[in-house]
Amino acid sequence: MNRQIALLVTLVSGVLMVLSGFLIPTQSWAEDVAEWFNVLASIAFVLGAANLAKIHLSKISSRDEGWGFSAVTLIAFVATLAIGFLKIGVAPLETAPLVSMSGEKDGEGSAFWWLYTFVMSPITATMFSLLAFYVASAAFRAFRAKNVEATLLLVAAFIVLLGRTFAGVVLTGWIPDSLSFLRLENLSTIIFEVFASAGNRAIIIGIALGVAATSLKIILGIDRSYMGSGD
């Protein structure tokens, strides 16, 4: 019975969200549904945090391989949570100078701002820098001219890479203005604005169709994976 109620709520919510784009009277109802989502998302964050603590505490207690990383994760999690909740180092607002915690928790100069600026941002930059090596490795394997498609990909990549550098401008600078579209910097722009743009639109259309199909399956109760195992 509980699963039937959940399916009914999902059906009504999904239909309201779809109708809100076409019928004005249903827009206020859709806003209420969006508020429900915010409440559920907040509960999900709490459950996710509890699950995170449970997994890493279990790993630390059993001294599994890599338990030191779990300890660092938990310490960082608790410290960030405490700093955010207690608003450590937050400057009061000008409109309420006597209320020490009236400012924004991530305001400049606060401890939370310091953590994000000097810890989170460098870590994120480091992760993306490491991904560059994986991208280079994947590109090396993909750009081998094994067939026509791979050859076209290799030529396009070569043109784009050279067209974005000063070397490309120098190499094709001798081409007259009447044939300026053959210069590498212009060919690079054409590839981006015409071929790459067309490919991106095709991908976006495919994603939109996939989202629509998945949404319909969930609304109609065909896909019940969000309810957990047993269906």
Protein backbone atom coordinates (compact mmCIF):
# COMPACT_ATOMS: atom_id res chain seq x y z
CA MET A 1 0.00 0.00 0.00
CA ASN A 2 2.83 2.41 0.87
CA ARG A 3 4.45 1.79 -2.49
CA GLN A 4 1.18 2.55 -4.26
CA ILE A 5 0.92 5.86 -2.41
CA ALA A 6 4.50 6.71 -3.39
CA LEU A 7 3.72 5.91 -7.03
CA LEU A 8 0.58 8.06 -6.88
CA VAL A 9 2.48 11.01 -5.40
CA THR A 10 5.14 10.66 -8.10
CA LEU A 11 2.49 10.54 -10.82
CA VAL A 12 0.64 13.63 -9.55
CA SER A 13 3.86 15.60 -8.99
CA GLY A 14 5.24 14.76 -12.42
CA VAL A 15 1.99 15.62 -14.21
CA LEU A 16 1.75 18.95 -12.34
CA MET A 17 5.30 19.90 -13.28
CA VAL A 18 4.58 19.13 -16.94
CA LEU A 19 1.26 21.00 -16.99
CA SER A 20 2.79 24.06 -15.30
CA GLY A 21 4.60 24.83 -18.52
CA PHE A 22 1.33 25.00 -20.45
CA LEU A 23 -1.45 25.92 -17.98
CA ILE A 24 -1.09 29.05 -15.83
CA PRO A 25 -3.44 27.87 -13.02
CA THR A 26 -1.18 24.89 -12.33
CA GLN A 27 1.97 27.00 -11.88
CA SER A 28 1.28 27.69 -8.20
CA TRP A 29 0.75 23.97 -7.60
CA ALA A 30 4.04 23.22 -9.34
CA GLU A 31 5.78 25.71 -7.05
CA ASP A 32 4.42 23.79 -4.06
CA VAL A 33 5.78 20.58 -5.56
CA ALA A 34 9.18 22.27 -5.96
CA GLU A 35 9.08 23.17 -2.27
CA TRP A 36 8.41 19.52 -1.46
CA PHE A 37 11.51 18.67 -3.44
CA ASN A 38 13.59 21.12 -1.39
CA VAL A 39 12.36 19.51 1.83
CA LEU A 40 13.14 16.01 0.55
CA ALA A 41 16.54 17.16 -0.68
CA SER A 42 17.34 18.51 2.79
CA ILE A 43 16.39 15.17 4.34
CA ALA A 44 18.50 13.38 1.73
CA PHE A 45 21.51 15.52 2.66
CA VAL A 46 21.12 14.54 6.31
CA LEU A 47 20.80 10.85 5.44
CA GLY A 48 23.79 11.12 3.10
CA ALA A 49 25.91 12.71 5.82
CA ALA A 50 24.90 10.00 8.29
CA ASN A 51 25.72 7.30 5.75
CA LEU A 52 29.09 8.93 5.04
CA ALA A 53 29.94 8.95 8.75
CA LYS A 54 28.78 5.34 9.18
CA ILE A 55 30.90 4.02 6.30
CA HIS A 56 34.08 5.82 7.29
CA LEU A 57 33.70 5.12 11.01
CA SER A 58 33.29 1.42 10.19
CA LYS A 59 36.40 1.55 8.02
CA ILE A 60 38.40 3.26 10.77
CA SER A 61 37.24 0.87 13.52
CA SER A 62 38.14 -2.21 11.46
CA ARG A 63 41.45 -0.68 10.29
CA ASP A 64 40.73 -1.50 6.66
CA GLU A 65 43.18 -0.51 3.96
CA GLY A 66 43.13 3.26 3.52
CA TRP A 67 41.46 3.95 6.87
CA GLY A 68 43.73 6.99 7.32
CA PHE A 69 42.01 8.67 4.37
CA SER A 70 38.66 7.95 6.01
CA ALA A 71 39.89 9.66 9.19
CA VAL A 72 40.97 12.74 7.22
CA THR A 73 37.61 12.78 5.44
CA LEU A 74 35.65 12.67 8.69
CA ILE A 75 37.81 15.34 10.35
CA ALA A 76 37.41 17.65 7.36
CA PHE A 77 33.68 16.98 7.21
CA VAL A 78 33.08 17.69 10.91
CA ALA A 79 35.33 20.76 10.89
CA THR A 80 33.63 22.27 7.84
CA LEU A 81 30.18 21.53 9.26
CA ALA A 82 31.04 23.14 12.61
CA ILE A 83 32.58 26.21 10.99
CA GLY A 84 29.54 26.68 8.78
CA PHE A 85 26.98 26.24 11.55
CA LEU A 86 28.82 28.35 14.14
CA LYS A 87 29.73 31.03 11.58
CA ILE A 88 33.26 31.29 12.90
CA GLY A 89 34.96 34.52 11.90
CA VAL A 90 31.82 35.99 10.31
CA ALA A 91 31.70 39.78 10.35
CA PRO A 92 28.36 41.32 11.43
CA LEU A 93 26.19 43.10 8.90
CA GLU A 94 26.27 46.89 8.77
CA THR A 95 22.54 46.91 9.44
CA ALA A 96 23.02 44.79 12.57
CA PRO A 97 26.48 45.61 13.95
CA LEU A 98 25.67 44.31 17.44
CA VAL A 99 24.73 40.82 16.18
CA SER A 100 28.05 39.03 15.73
CA MET A 101 26.63 36.18 13.59
CA SER A 102 24.40 38.27 11.35
CA GLY A 103 26.76 38.13 8.36
CA GLU A 104 26.99 35.50 5.65
CA LYS A 105 28.87 32.33 6.62
CA ASP A 106 30.88 32.48 3.38
CA GLY A 107 31.55 36.22 3.55
CA GLU A 108 35.07 37.37 2.78
CA GLY A 109 37.34 36.94 5.79
CA SER A 110 35.28 34.23 7.47
CA ALA A 111 36.70 30.80 8.29
CA PHE A 112 34.34 29.14 5.82
CA TRP A 113 35.51 31.53 3.08
CA TRP A 114 39.14 30.75 4.00
CA LEU A 115 38.52 27.01 3.74
CA TYR A 116 36.90 27.35 0.31
CA THR A 117 39.49 29.78 -1.06
CA PHE A 118 42.69 28.22 0.27
CA VAL A 119 41.74 24.54 0.63
CA MET A 120 38.82 23.57 -1.61
CA SER A 121 39.81 25.63 -4.65
CA PRO A 122 43.44 24.40 -4.77
CA ILE A 123 42.31 20.79 -4.31
CA THR A 124 39.80 21.16 -7.15
CA ALA A 125 42.44 22.74 -9.39
CA THR A 126 44.82 19.89 -8.60
CA MET A 127 42.21 17.26 -9.48
CA PHE A 128 41.46 18.90 -12.83
CA SER A 129 45.20 19.22 -13.51
CA LEU A 130 45.64 15.49 -12.97
CA LEU A 131 42.74 14.80 -15.34
CA ALA A 132 44.73 16.52 -18.09
CA PHE A 133 47.10 13.52 -18.20
CA TYR A 134 44.17 11.11 -18.65
CA VAL A 135 42.74 13.33 -21.39
CA ALA A 136 46.10 13.39 -23.17
CA SER A 137 46.36 9.59 -22.94
CA ALA A 138 42.83 9.12 -24.25
CA ALA A 139 43.47 11.60 -27.07
CA PHE A 140 46.63 9.74 -28.10
CA ARG A 141 44.67 6.50 -28.41
CA ALA A 142 41.69 8.10 -30.16
CA PHE A 143 43.74 10.06 -32.69
CA ARG A 144 45.42 7.05 -34.25
CA ALA A 145 44.49 7.13 -37.93
CA LYS A 146 43.10 3.60 -38.09
CA ASN A 147 40.10 4.45 -40.28
CA VAL A 148 38.42 7.38 -42.01
CA GLU A 149 36.63 8.61 -38.88
CA ALA A 150 39.80 8.56 -36.79
CA THR A 151 41.69 10.35 -39.56
CA LEU A 152 39.06 13.11 -39.72
CA LEU A 153 39.22 13.44 -35.93
CA LEU A 154 43.02 13.68 -36.06
CA VAL A 155 42.99 16.33 -38.81
CA ALA A 156 40.31 18.40 -37.02
CA ALA A 157 42.22 18.22 -33.73
CA PHE A 158 45.45 19.23 -35.49
CA ILE A 159 43.76 22.24 -37.11
CA VAL A 160 42.11 23.35 -33.85
CA LEU A 161 45.30 23.00 -31.81
CA LEU A 162 47.39 24.95 -34.31
CA GLY A 163 44.63 27.48 -34.98
CA ARG A 164 44.55 28.43 -31.29
CA THR A 165 48.28 29.17 -31.18
CA PHE A 166 50.53 31.83 -32.68
CA ALA A 167 52.25 29.13 -34.75
CA GLY A 168 49.06 28.59 -36.73
CA VAL A 169 48.82 32.28 -37.56
CA VAL A 170 52.43 32.33 -38.77
CA LEU A 171 52.15 29.14 -40.84
CA THR A 172 49.10 30.29 -42.83
CA GLY A 173 49.61 34.06 -42.71
CA TRP A 174 50.74 34.05 -46.35
CA ILE A 175 47.28 33.02 -47.61
CA PRO A 176 45.65 36.00 -49.38
CA ASP A 177 42.60 37.73 -47.93
CA SER A 178 40.39 36.33 -50.69
CA LEU A 179 41.04 32.85 -49.28
CA SER A 180 41.31 33.87 -45.61
CA PHE A 181 38.90 31.11 -44.58
CA LEU A 182 41.73 28.64 -45.27
CA ARG A 183 43.92 30.15 -42.57
CA LEU A 184 44.26 27.88 -39.57
CA GLU A 185 42.79 30.34 -37.07
CA ASN A 186 39.69 30.75 -39.29
CA LEU A 187 39.40 27.01 -39.97
CA SER A 188 39.56 26.44 -36.22
CA THR A 189 36.68 28.87 -35.71
CA ILE A 190 34.65 27.22 -38.48
CA ILE A 191 35.13 23.79 -36.91
CA PHE A 192 33.95 25.11 -33.54
CA GLU A 193 31.01 27.17 -34.76
CA VAL A 194 29.71 24.80 -37.47
CA PHE A 195 30.72 21.17 -36.98
CA ALA A 196 31.22 21.11 -33.21
CA SER A 197 28.07 23.19 -32.69
CA ALA A 198 26.03 20.78 -34.83
CA GLY A 199 27.40 17.83 -32.89
CA ASN A 200 26.62 19.49 -29.56
CA ARG A 201 23.04 20.18 -30.65
CA ALA A 202 22.59 16.55 -31.68
CA ILE A 203 23.91 15.41 -28.30
CA ILE A 204 21.63 17.86 -26.46
CA ILE A 205 18.61 16.65 -28.46
CA GLY A 206 19.50 13.05 -27.62
CA ILE A 207 19.86 13.91 -23.93
CA ALA A 208 16.50 15.71 -23.97
CA LEU A 209 14.79 12.70 -25.54
CA GLY A 210 16.43 10.42 -22.97
CA VAL A 211 15.29 12.66 -20.10
CA ALA A 212 11.75 12.77 -21.49
CA ALA A 213 11.63 8.98 -21.90
CA THR A 214 13.02 8.35 -18.42
CA SER A 215 10.64 10.90 -16.88
CA LEU A 216 7.64 9.24 -18.53
CA LYS A 217 8.76 5.82 -17.27
CA ILE A 218 9.02 7.18 -13.72
CA ILE A 219 5.72 9.10 -13.87
CA LEU A 220 3.84 6.08 -15.25
CA GLY A 221 5.39 3.76 -12.67
CA ILE A 222 7.29 1.65 -15.20
CA ASP A 223 10.67 2.53 -13.68
CA ARG A 224 10.56 2.03 -9.90
CA SER A 225 14.30 1.95 -9.22
CA TYR A 226 14.03 5.09 -7.07
CA MET A 227 11.96 3.07 -4.58
CA GLY A 228 14.82 0.69 -3.87
CA SER A 229 15.04 -3.05 -4.41
CA GLY A 230 12.03 -5.27 -4.60
CA ASP A 231 10.36 -3.76 -7.72
